[in-house]
Each structure stands twice: as C-alpha cells, then as structure tokens.
Amino acid sequence: MLKRNRILAGLTLWGFVSAAQALAPAAAAQRSLLPAAKKETTIRNLTKETVRYTIRRLVRDQQPFVRYLKPDALDRWPCESPLDVGFDRSGQPTSYRLECGLPYTFRYDESDMLDLYSGSHGLFGVADLAPFVPTPMAVVEKMLELGEVDKDDILYDLGCGDGRIVITAAQKFGTRGVGIDIDPQRIEESRRSAKEAGVDGLLEFRLQDVMKAEIRQATVVTLYLLPESNALLRPLLEEQLRPGTPVVSHNYSIPGWAAKEVNYVTLQDGTGQDHTIFVYKR
C-alpha cells in the first residue's frame, strides 16, 4: 500500500504563543458566534519523544494553541476549515496546512528527523502500520507479474488502501481477492471503485486490524507497509500462510526473511521515481 506521505508545505517561521493568550476573552467571544464543528482532525504521535507543536483552526482561532503531545498520544481537533500546524524540525521551524477532518501522524522520516505525515486511523491499541500512499499502477502491475497471479489465486492485500491491487488483479485475470484496511474511508473507496470496475463480485474488503486478520486462504499476499510494520506482521505470515505462498512487498523488505527472498526488482514510475519490489516464498 504505502510509502511515507509527507504533507506538502513551505517552511514558515512562527512566533510561539501561550495557550492563555489563545484563550483571550475577545477571541473566545468571537468563536462562540461560529457554527458548531462537524468534523474532527486527529494528530497522533508515533515517535519516542514528546512533540511540541502549535495549531490554529483558521476560522475559529485568532492565535495558535501550544500543545505537548506525548509518545503514542492522540489530539483531537474539532474543525470546519483547514488548520495550520507548526513545529520544530531539526532546528528549523516548519509549518503545514492540514485539511479539516483527516488524520495525521508525527513520525520520523528516512533520516530519523521529526516530520508530520498524513494518514493515521487514530485508534488506540491498534498498530498504525503505515500512512496511505497509492501504489503507482506500473508498480501494481509488476507486483502482480512477480507474484504470478492468475485466475485461480486468492489474493490478499494487507493494508489495501484504495483497493487498486486486488481490483487490478480481478480486472486483468479474474482473480478473487480480499483487501484489508483499518481506515473506513479507504474501505468505502475500495468498495465503490470495485463496483465501478464491475469486479465487486470477485472481491471482499474488510474493515479490520491487519494484525488480527485471518489470511489462511491466501495463495498470494501483497504489502506496502513500513519496515517496522513488516516485522510486526511476519509472525502472522509465518503462522497462517502455507509453505511456498508468494509474498510481494513494495519498497520495504521483511526483516528476518532474507533466506525466503526469491526475487528483487527495481523500476521507475511515470515520474521517474525509483521503486523496489521484494518477492518471498513462505
């Protein structure tokens, strides 16, 4: 499903203000005249440090609030318009504009620097395996080719996102498939796309924690998760998959499975970005 999806933003120097300033009587009075919020933006901290950030809802707050978000904690922000978030990234003040009603996550990037990413189910006690980033179609087709997917397979996509991998397999080969994701928006989108493509009768989409999934029927498995997520998922793959089942992973290897790797391919998408595909046999 995924590669880290950094939010598009410019760097902005902000002066930090206290929460007391943000709650000035005039501002509070002005906010009381606004309509009640109908959506909620969530921000979760998946780092190992307390993150200091500021946030301002554009039509509600004259001044930004200062927040301290502990590891694995979650902030919820009722909203009816975009929000501006600012934080310090390796000594550089950084700001992002967030869309109202969507989930976001503080994570470390590939250089172990703090950054903010879109995508997080916002649920406690459930592993957040990866933010949503669609797999380029050229990579989807190559993954299906390397997995030797055909009409007799039952393809499971763990962290299916918008469902494009199992939908493509159903369209091209008549493959039955199961897509599993924890995000209700992604599951709704997947079901709608499958119906529009005329293959919904071949596919099932489950709103479920992948770590608790039943995947014993799979004859092929596809993944687009983070390295640490692949490591968490490995015991499930080893316990439930039959020996010889192909497992095809986009961009990230499965730690501890070097001996099971049977293929490794690199390719470019339409934008010239490099992608890697790891193929394993359980």
Protein backbone atom coordinates (compact mmCIF):
# COMPACT_ATOMS: atom_id res chain seq x y z
CA MET A 1 0.00 0.00 0.00
CA LEU A 2 2.36 2.56 1.18
CA LYS A 3 5.30 4.77 1.30
CA ARG A 4 5.61 7.68 3.70
CA ASN A 5 3.43 10.54 2.55
CA ARG A 6 4.88 13.85 3.66
CA ILE A 7 2.41 16.71 3.62
CA LEU A 8 3.20 19.37 1.03
CA ALA A 9 4.19 22.55 2.80
CA GLY A 10 6.53 25.51 2.89
CA LEU A 11 8.76 26.41 5.79
CA THR A 12 7.37 29.21 7.92
CA LEU A 13 8.85 30.92 10.94
CA TRP A 14 6.21 31.25 13.64
CA GLY A 15 6.32 33.07 16.94
CA PHE A 16 5.00 30.69 19.56
CA VAL A 17 2.27 31.95 21.87
CA SER A 18 0.90 30.58 25.07
CA ALA A 19 -2.43 28.80 25.43
CA ALA A 20 -3.52 31.57 27.76
CA GLN A 21 -3.07 34.13 25.00
CA ALA A 22 -5.05 31.95 22.61
CA LEU A 23 -7.96 31.92 25.03
CA ALA A 24 -8.26 35.69 25.33
CA PRO A 25 -11.86 36.81 26.04
CA ALA A 26 -12.26 38.59 22.71
CA ALA A 27 -11.17 35.52 20.77
CA ALA A 28 -13.41 33.27 22.84
CA ALA A 29 -16.37 35.56 22.25
CA GLN A 30 -15.74 35.59 18.52
CA ARG A 31 -15.50 31.78 18.41
CA SER A 32 -18.81 31.45 20.23
CA LEU A 33 -20.54 33.05 17.23
CA LEU A 34 -19.21 30.42 14.83
CA PRO A 35 -21.21 27.33 13.81
CA ALA A 36 -20.52 24.09 15.64
CA ALA A 37 -17.75 21.97 14.16
CA LYS A 38 -18.90 18.97 12.14
CA LYS A 39 -15.53 17.32 11.55
CA GLU A 40 -12.50 16.34 13.58
CA THR A 41 -8.81 16.32 12.69
CA THR A 42 -6.64 13.92 14.68
CA ILE A 43 -2.90 14.16 15.27
CA ARG A 44 -1.10 11.16 16.72
CA ASN A 45 2.49 10.95 17.94
CA LEU A 46 4.26 7.77 16.85
CA THR A 47 7.72 8.99 17.83
CA LYS A 48 9.63 8.26 21.04
CA GLU A 49 9.66 11.89 22.19
CA THR A 50 7.15 14.47 23.36
CA VAL A 51 6.40 16.76 20.41
CA ARG A 52 5.80 20.48 20.95
CA TYR A 53 3.62 21.94 18.23
CA THR A 54 1.23 24.81 17.63
CA ILE A 55 -2.13 24.58 15.92
CA ARG A 56 -4.63 27.16 14.67
CA ARG A 57 -8.04 26.46 13.16
CA LEU A 58 -8.39 29.17 10.55
CA VAL A 59 -11.99 30.23 11.20
CA ARG A 60 -12.01 29.57 14.94
CA ASP A 61 -8.70 30.65 16.47
CA GLN A 62 -7.10 34.07 16.23
CA GLN A 63 -3.93 32.73 17.80
CA PRO A 64 -2.41 29.23 17.68
CA PHE A 65 -2.56 26.89 20.66
CA VAL A 66 0.65 25.40 22.03
CA ARG A 67 0.45 21.63 22.54
CA TYR A 68 2.78 18.99 24.01
CA LEU A 69 1.94 15.57 22.57
CA LYS A 70 3.43 12.60 24.40
CA PRO A 71 4.54 9.40 22.62
CA ASP A 72 1.56 7.36 21.37
CA ALA A 73 -0.83 10.12 22.45
CA LEU A 74 -3.61 11.48 20.27
CA ASP A 75 -5.00 15.01 19.95
CA ARG A 76 -8.47 15.61 18.52
CA TRP A 77 -9.36 18.98 16.97
CA PRO A 78 -12.98 19.75 16.04
CA CYS A 79 -12.91 21.89 12.90
CA GLU A 80 -14.84 23.25 9.97
CA SER A 81 -11.93 24.61 7.90
CA PRO A 82 -8.20 23.92 7.34
CA LEU A 83 -5.75 24.04 10.25
CA ASP A 84 -2.21 25.42 10.43
CA VAL A 85 0.31 23.33 12.39
CA GLY A 86 3.83 24.41 13.28
CA PHE A 87 6.70 22.54 14.94
CA ASP A 88 10.47 22.45 15.06
CA ARG A 89 12.16 20.03 12.66
CA SER A 90 15.87 19.63 13.42
CA GLY A 91 16.19 23.27 14.42
CA GLN A 92 14.13 24.57 11.52
CA PRO A 93 10.63 25.96 12.23
CA THR A 94 8.22 24.15 9.90
CA SER A 95 4.52 24.64 9.19
CA TYR A 96 1.90 22.59 7.37
CA ARG A 97 -1.68 23.34 6.41
CA LEU A 98 -3.93 20.38 7.26
CA GLU A 99 -7.24 19.51 5.71
CA CYS A 100 -10.12 19.51 8.17
CA GLY A 101 -11.45 16.09 9.13
CA LEU A 102 -8.42 13.97 8.19
CA PRO A 103 -5.92 12.07 10.38
CA TYR A 104 -2.24 12.99 10.66
CA THR A 105 0.77 11.47 12.39
CA PHE A 106 4.09 12.68 13.77
CA ARG A 107 6.74 10.18 12.66
CA TYR A 108 10.46 10.06 11.91
CA ASP A 109 11.47 10.33 8.26
CA GLU A 110 14.13 8.27 6.49
CA SER A 111 16.83 10.45 8.10
CA ASP A 112 15.31 9.98 11.59
CA MET A 113 14.11 13.58 11.68
CA LEU A 114 10.70 14.55 13.05
CA ASP A 115 8.04 15.19 10.43
CA LEU A 116 4.27 15.21 10.03
CA TYR A 117 2.55 12.74 7.70
CA SER A 118 -0.99 12.30 6.52
CA GLY A 119 -2.77 9.09 7.42
CA SER A 120 -3.45 7.50 10.78
CA HIS A 121 -6.53 5.65 11.86
CA GLY A 122 -6.46 7.46 15.22
CA LEU A 123 -7.27 4.35 17.25
CA PHE A 124 -5.52 3.33 20.44
CA GLY A 125 -4.42 -0.28 20.85
CA VAL A 126 -4.23 -0.88 17.10
CA ALA A 127 -0.93 -0.91 15.22
CA ASP A 128 -0.65 2.00 12.80
CA LEU A 129 1.16 0.11 10.06
CA ALA A 130 1.59 2.91 7.51
CA PRO A 131 0.09 6.14 6.16
CA PHE A 132 -1.86 5.85 2.93
CA VAL A 133 0.05 6.44 -0.30
CA PRO A 134 -1.29 4.85 -3.51
CA THR A 135 0.99 2.39 -5.29
CA PRO A 136 1.75 3.62 -8.85
CA MET A 137 -0.05 1.49 -11.42
CA ALA A 138 3.20 0.44 -13.09
CA VAL A 139 4.30 -0.98 -9.74
CA VAL A 140 0.91 -2.65 -9.18
CA GLU A 141 1.19 -4.48 -12.49
CA LYS A 142 4.78 -5.53 -11.78
CA MET A 143 3.83 -6.84 -8.34
CA LEU A 144 1.10 -8.99 -9.86
CA GLU A 145 3.52 -10.24 -12.51
CA LEU A 146 6.18 -11.16 -9.95
CA GLY A 147 3.60 -12.84 -7.74
CA GLU A 148 2.49 -14.88 -10.77
CA VAL A 149 -1.12 -14.00 -10.00
CA ASP A 150 -3.77 -15.73 -12.12
CA LYS A 151 -7.49 -16.56 -12.11
CA ASP A 152 -7.05 -19.48 -9.71
CA ASP A 153 -5.48 -17.37 -6.95
CA ILE A 154 -6.96 -15.77 -3.87
CA LEU A 155 -5.01 -12.52 -3.46
CA TYR A 156 -4.86 -10.80 -0.07
CA ASP A 157 -3.66 -7.19 0.08
CA LEU A 158 -2.81 -6.30 3.68
CA GLY A 159 -3.28 -2.57 4.13
CA CYS A 160 -5.17 -2.31 0.85
CA GLY A 161 -5.65 1.46 0.73
CA ASP A 162 -7.91 2.28 -2.22
CA GLY A 163 -8.01 -1.37 -3.29
CA ARG A 164 -6.20 -0.90 -6.57
CA ILE A 165 -4.05 -4.04 -6.32
CA VAL A 166 -6.88 -6.54 -5.88
CA ILE A 167 -9.13 -4.58 -8.26
CA THR A 168 -6.47 -4.67 -10.98
CA ALA A 169 -5.94 -8.41 -10.46
CA ALA A 170 -9.68 -9.02 -10.74
CA GLN A 171 -9.91 -6.94 -13.93
CA LYS A 172 -6.90 -8.48 -15.67
CA PHE A 173 -7.08 -12.10 -14.56
CA GLY A 174 -10.44 -12.67 -12.89
CA THR A 175 -8.62 -13.19 -9.59
CA ARG A 176 -10.59 -13.36 -6.38
CA GLY A 177 -9.23 -11.02 -3.74
CA VAL A 178 -9.52 -9.70 -0.20
CA GLY A 179 -8.42 -6.21 0.80
CA ILE A 180 -7.95 -5.40 4.49
CA ASP A 181 -7.54 -1.92 5.95
CA ILE A 182 -8.24 -0.16 9.25
CA ASP A 183 -9.35 3.11 7.62
CA PRO A 184 -13.13 3.29 6.93
CA GLN A 185 -12.59 5.91 4.21
CA ARG A 186 -10.24 3.59 2.31
CA ILE A 187 -12.59 0.63 2.59
CA GLU A 188 -15.53 2.71 1.34
CA GLU A 189 -13.42 3.97 -1.55
CA SER A 190 -12.29 0.42 -2.40
CA ARG A 191 -15.83 -0.95 -2.48
CA ARG A 192 -17.00 1.92 -4.65
CA SER A 193 -14.11 1.50 -7.10
CA ALA A 194 -14.64 -2.26 -7.33
CA LYS A 195 -18.30 -1.75 -8.14
CA GLU A 196 -17.49 0.86 -10.78
CA ALA A 197 -14.97 -1.54 -12.31
CA GLY A 198 -17.56 -4.32 -12.38
CA VAL A 199 -15.48 -6.71 -10.26
CA ASP A 200 -17.13 -6.33 -6.85
CA GLY A 201 -18.46 -9.87 -7.10
CA LEU A 202 -14.89 -11.19 -7.03
CA LEU A 203 -13.68 -9.05 -4.15
CA GLU A 204 -14.18 -8.58 -0.43
CA PHE A 205 -13.00 -5.56 1.55
CA ARG A 206 -12.68 -5.89 5.31
CA LEU A 207 -12.53 -3.02 7.78
CA GLN A 208 -10.13 -4.73 10.16
CA ASP A 209 -6.84 -4.55 12.02
CA VAL A 210 -4.41 -6.43 9.76
CA MET A 211 -2.61 -7.78 12.82
CA LYS A 212 -5.78 -9.68 13.76
CA ALA A 213 -6.71 -10.82 10.27
CA GLU A 214 -7.47 -14.36 9.13
CA ILE A 215 -5.43 -14.91 5.95
CA ARG A 216 -5.13 -18.71 5.73
CA GLN A 217 -6.96 -18.84 2.40
CA ALA A 218 -4.43 -16.58 0.67
CA THR A 219 -2.44 -18.03 -2.22
CA VAL A 220 -0.67 -14.68 -2.82
CA VAL A 221 -0.12 -11.76 -0.42
CA THR A 222 0.82 -8.17 -1.31
CA LEU A 223 2.14 -5.50 1.07
CA TYR A 224 3.02 -1.81 1.02
CA LEU A 225 3.82 -1.13 4.65
CA LEU A 226 6.74 0.26 6.64
CA PRO A 227 9.78 -1.87 7.61
CA GLU A 228 8.78 -1.99 11.28
CA SER A 229 5.27 -2.95 10.23
CA ASN A 230 6.56 -5.81 8.09
CA ALA A 231 8.49 -7.03 11.12
CA LEU A 232 5.33 -6.92 13.25
CA LEU A 233 3.39 -8.77 10.58
CA ARG A 234 5.96 -11.52 9.98
CA PRO A 235 4.71 -13.88 12.74
CA LEU A 236 1.20 -13.74 11.26
CA LEU A 237 2.54 -14.60 7.80
CA GLU A 238 4.61 -17.47 9.19
CA GLU A 239 1.75 -18.87 11.24
CA GLN A 240 -1.07 -18.71 8.69
CA LEU A 241 0.39 -18.93 5.18
CA ARG A 242 1.06 -22.27 3.56
CA PRO A 243 4.69 -23.03 2.60
CA GLY A 244 5.52 -21.66 -0.84
CA THR A 245 2.92 -18.86 -0.76
CA PRO A 246 4.31 -15.79 -2.62
CA VAL A 247 4.52 -12.59 -0.55
CA VAL A 248 5.22 -9.48 -2.63
CA SER A 249 6.29 -6.32 -0.78
CA HIS A 250 6.58 -2.85 -2.29
CA ASN A 251 9.62 -0.76 -1.30
CA TYR A 252 10.36 -2.44 2.04
CA SER A 253 11.82 -5.83 2.86
CA ILE A 254 10.53 -8.21 5.52
CA PRO A 255 13.12 -8.33 8.32
CA GLY A 256 14.28 -11.87 9.05
CA TRP A 257 13.13 -13.26 5.70
CA ALA A 258 16.35 -12.90 3.71
CA ALA A 259 16.51 -16.66 3.19
CA LYS A 260 12.96 -16.65 1.77
CA GLU A 261 13.64 -13.92 -0.80
CA VAL A 262 13.39 -15.26 -4.35
CA ASN A 263 13.38 -12.04 -6.37
CA TYR A 264 14.23 -8.36 -6.11
CA VAL A 265 13.30 -5.85 -8.81
CA THR A 266 13.73 -2.10 -9.20
CA LEU A 267 11.70 0.03 -11.59
CA GLN A 268 10.62 3.61 -12.15
CA ASP A 269 7.11 5.03 -12.19
CA GLY A 270 5.85 7.65 -14.62
CA THR A 271 7.54 10.45 -12.65
CA GLY A 272 10.97 8.83 -12.68
CA GLN A 273 10.83 7.81 -9.02
CA ASP A 274 12.52 4.51 -8.18
CA HIS A 275 10.59 1.65 -6.59
CA THR A 276 11.73 -1.73 -5.32
CA ILE A 277 9.73 -4.94 -5.15
CA PHE A 278 10.70 -7.84 -2.88
CA VAL A 279 9.32 -11.30 -3.62
CA TYR A 280 9.35 -14.01 -0.95
CA LYS A 281 8.13 -17.59 -0.77
CA ARG A 282 6.68 -18.55 2.58
